[in-house]
Amino acid sequence: MSNIDGRRAGRGNRADGRGVRTALLLCVVALTACQSAPAGPGAVATSSKSAALRTMEQVAINAHKCWFASNDPAFRSYSFANELNSFSGRPRFLLVPKSNFGGKPMLVVQAEGEPARVDAFGPLMDQPVGTRVSADLKRWIGGSASCTQTA
């Protein structure tokens, strides 16, 4: 009589037991290799966030606060699509038509590199509000959280 896997019933398969132990041993070795050494007194902690991600987090927070949370009329017809968790190394956010969230982005703001370089492009930059977008982005990239330009 055979089981589904083709082994004979009533007979143990010693090779299976060895295979399981071998696989378990390999997993333990692999996990041990992934462990980092404990931090000593001279250890330096670094952030795993890239400069581009840190910059875009601040820019995105300010853009959302100043353009959307404030109900700014210049941005009412757009939705904010946050894509900071990009695996391409270019965290970004998009402004898309409010009526079509999956539609073509009207504005893309993304950063890359060390130090971070922020780029903004899309049809919105060619409209009158594009000048304001540029000024806001420059201010936020420079570290300001202000929604308005100070004289």
Protein backbone atom coordinates (compact mmCIF):
# COMPACT_ATOMS: atom_id res chain seq x y z
CA MET A 1 0.00 0.00 0.00
CA SER A 2 1.37 3.42 -0.94
CA ASN A 3 0.78 6.86 0.53
CA ILE A 4 0.09 9.88 -1.63
CA ASP A 5 3.76 10.79 -1.78
CA GLY A 6 4.72 7.33 -3.02
CA ARG A 7 6.30 5.96 0.18
CA ARG A 8 5.25 2.59 1.43
CA ALA A 9 2.97 2.66 4.45
CA GLY A 10 4.49 1.49 7.71
CA ARG A 11 8.08 2.15 6.75
CA GLY A 12 9.84 5.26 8.04
CA ASN A 13 11.99 7.26 5.69
CA ARG A 14 15.27 8.06 7.42
CA ALA A 15 16.35 10.41 4.63
CA ASP A 16 13.39 12.71 5.44
CA GLY A 17 14.56 13.05 9.04
CA ARG A 18 18.08 13.90 7.96
CA GLY A 19 16.78 16.40 5.38
CA VAL A 20 14.69 18.21 7.99
CA ARG A 21 17.64 18.38 10.40
CA THR A 22 19.93 19.63 7.64
CA ALA A 23 17.42 22.32 6.59
CA LEU A 24 16.97 23.38 10.22
CA LEU A 25 20.73 23.59 10.72
CA LEU A 26 21.11 25.70 7.57
CA CYS A 27 18.37 28.09 8.77
CA VAL A 28 20.09 28.50 12.15
CA VAL A 29 23.45 29.17 10.45
CA ALA A 30 21.86 31.70 8.08
CA LEU A 31 20.10 33.53 10.90
CA THR A 32 23.28 33.61 12.96
CA ALA A 33 25.17 35.10 10.03
CA CYS A 34 22.59 37.88 9.76
CA GLN A 35 23.02 38.97 13.36
CA SER A 36 25.11 42.06 13.94
CA ALA A 37 27.61 42.38 16.71
CA PRO A 38 26.37 44.02 19.89
CA ALA A 39 27.02 47.75 20.04
CA GLY A 40 30.05 48.57 22.12
CA PRO A 41 31.08 51.84 23.73
CA GLY A 42 32.60 53.09 20.46
CA ALA A 43 29.65 52.12 18.26
CA VAL A 44 28.00 54.81 16.17
CA ALA A 45 24.29 54.62 15.44
CA THR A 46 23.22 55.71 11.98
CA SER A 47 19.82 56.20 10.49
CA SER A 48 18.72 53.73 7.86
CA LYS A 49 16.86 56.51 6.06
CA SER A 50 18.55 58.01 3.06
CA ALA A 51 19.03 61.74 2.69
CA ALA A 52 16.46 61.69 -0.11
CA LEU A 53 13.84 60.04 2.11
CA ARG A 54 14.49 62.38 5.06
CA THR A 55 14.18 65.40 2.78
CA MET A 56 11.03 64.15 1.07
CA GLU A 57 9.36 63.34 4.38
CA GLN A 58 9.69 66.97 5.44
CA VAL A 59 8.69 68.33 2.04
CA ALA A 60 5.65 66.02 1.86
CA ILE A 61 4.51 66.94 5.39
CA ASN A 62 4.71 70.62 4.54
CA ALA A 63 3.05 70.22 1.14
CA HIS A 64 0.16 68.34 2.67
CA LYS A 65 -0.19 70.82 5.54
CA CYS A 66 0.10 73.96 3.42
CA TRP A 67 -1.66 72.90 0.23
CA PHE A 68 -4.30 70.39 1.34
CA ALA A 69 -5.00 70.54 5.07
CA SER A 70 -5.35 74.33 4.79
CA ASN A 71 -7.91 73.94 1.94
CA ASP A 72 -5.83 76.15 -0.33
CA PRO A 73 -8.00 77.02 -3.37
CA ALA A 74 -5.05 76.57 -5.77
CA PHE A 75 -4.90 72.84 -4.91
CA ARG A 76 -8.58 71.94 -4.36
CA SER A 77 -8.90 70.11 -7.66
CA TYR A 78 -5.98 67.77 -6.84
CA SER A 79 -5.38 64.81 -4.55
CA PHE A 80 -2.11 64.12 -2.75
CA ALA A 81 -0.58 60.69 -3.47
CA ASN A 82 2.29 59.90 -1.14
CA GLU A 83 4.88 57.44 -2.50
CA LEU A 84 7.71 57.92 -0.02
CA ASN A 85 8.24 54.18 0.39
CA SER A 86 9.65 53.85 -3.11
CA PHE A 87 12.14 51.04 -3.58
CA SER A 88 13.69 52.85 -6.53
CA GLY A 89 15.67 55.14 -4.23
CA ARG A 90 13.51 58.08 -5.36
CA PRO A 91 10.89 58.80 -2.71
CA ARG A 92 8.19 61.03 -4.16
CA PHE A 93 4.69 62.39 -3.96
CA LEU A 94 2.24 63.16 -6.74
CA LEU A 95 -0.60 65.57 -7.26
CA VAL A 96 -3.28 63.88 -9.33
CA PRO A 97 -6.70 65.08 -10.48
CA LYS A 98 -9.16 64.71 -7.61
CA SER A 99 -11.70 63.16 -9.97
CA ASN A 100 -9.24 60.50 -11.17
CA PHE A 101 -6.88 59.30 -8.42
CA GLY A 102 -5.27 56.78 -10.77
CA GLY A 103 -4.90 59.37 -13.53
CA LYS A 104 -1.85 61.03 -14.98
CA PRO A 105 0.05 63.02 -12.32
CA MET A 106 -0.12 66.78 -12.72
CA LEU A 107 2.91 67.21 -10.44
CA VAL A 108 5.70 64.85 -9.40
CA VAL A 109 8.08 65.87 -6.62
CA GLN A 110 10.90 63.41 -6.01
CA ALA A 111 14.33 63.29 -4.43
CA GLU A 112 17.41 61.16 -4.92
CA GLY A 113 21.05 61.02 -3.99
CA GLU A 114 23.32 61.92 -1.10
CA PRO A 115 22.93 64.83 -0.51
CA ALA A 116 19.35 64.84 -1.64
CA ARG A 117 18.47 66.56 -4.91
CA VAL A 118 14.76 67.37 -5.28
CA ASP A 119 13.12 67.59 -8.70
CA ALA A 120 9.60 68.77 -9.50
CA PHE A 121 8.02 68.28 -12.90
CA GLY A 122 4.69 67.87 -14.61
CA PRO A 123 2.03 70.01 -16.30
CA LEU A 124 1.29 71.90 -13.09
CA MET A 125 4.75 73.48 -13.21
CA ASP A 126 3.82 75.21 -16.50
CA GLN A 127 0.72 76.80 -14.97
CA PRO A 128 0.68 80.02 -12.93
CA VAL A 129 0.73 78.04 -9.68
CA GLY A 130 4.06 76.48 -10.76
CA THR A 131 5.97 79.56 -9.58
CA ARG A 132 4.46 79.19 -6.13
CA VAL A 133 5.15 75.45 -6.08
CA SER A 134 8.83 76.14 -6.84
CA ALA A 135 9.09 78.79 -4.12
CA ASP A 136 7.36 76.55 -1.55
CA LEU A 137 9.58 73.57 -2.37
CA LYS A 138 12.78 75.63 -2.16
CA ARG A 139 11.70 76.97 1.23
CA TRP A 140 10.82 73.52 2.60
CA ILE A 141 13.99 71.91 1.23
CA GLY A 142 15.91 74.65 3.02
CA GLY A 143 14.39 73.55 6.34
CA SER A 144 11.52 75.98 6.77
CA ALA A 145 8.08 74.60 7.68
CA SER A 146 6.35 77.86 6.83
CA CYS A 147 3.41 77.88 4.44
CA THR A 148 4.11 81.42 3.32
CA GLN A 149 7.16 83.20 2.07
CA THR A 150 8.49 85.77 4.53
CA ALA A 151 9.88 89.04 3.27
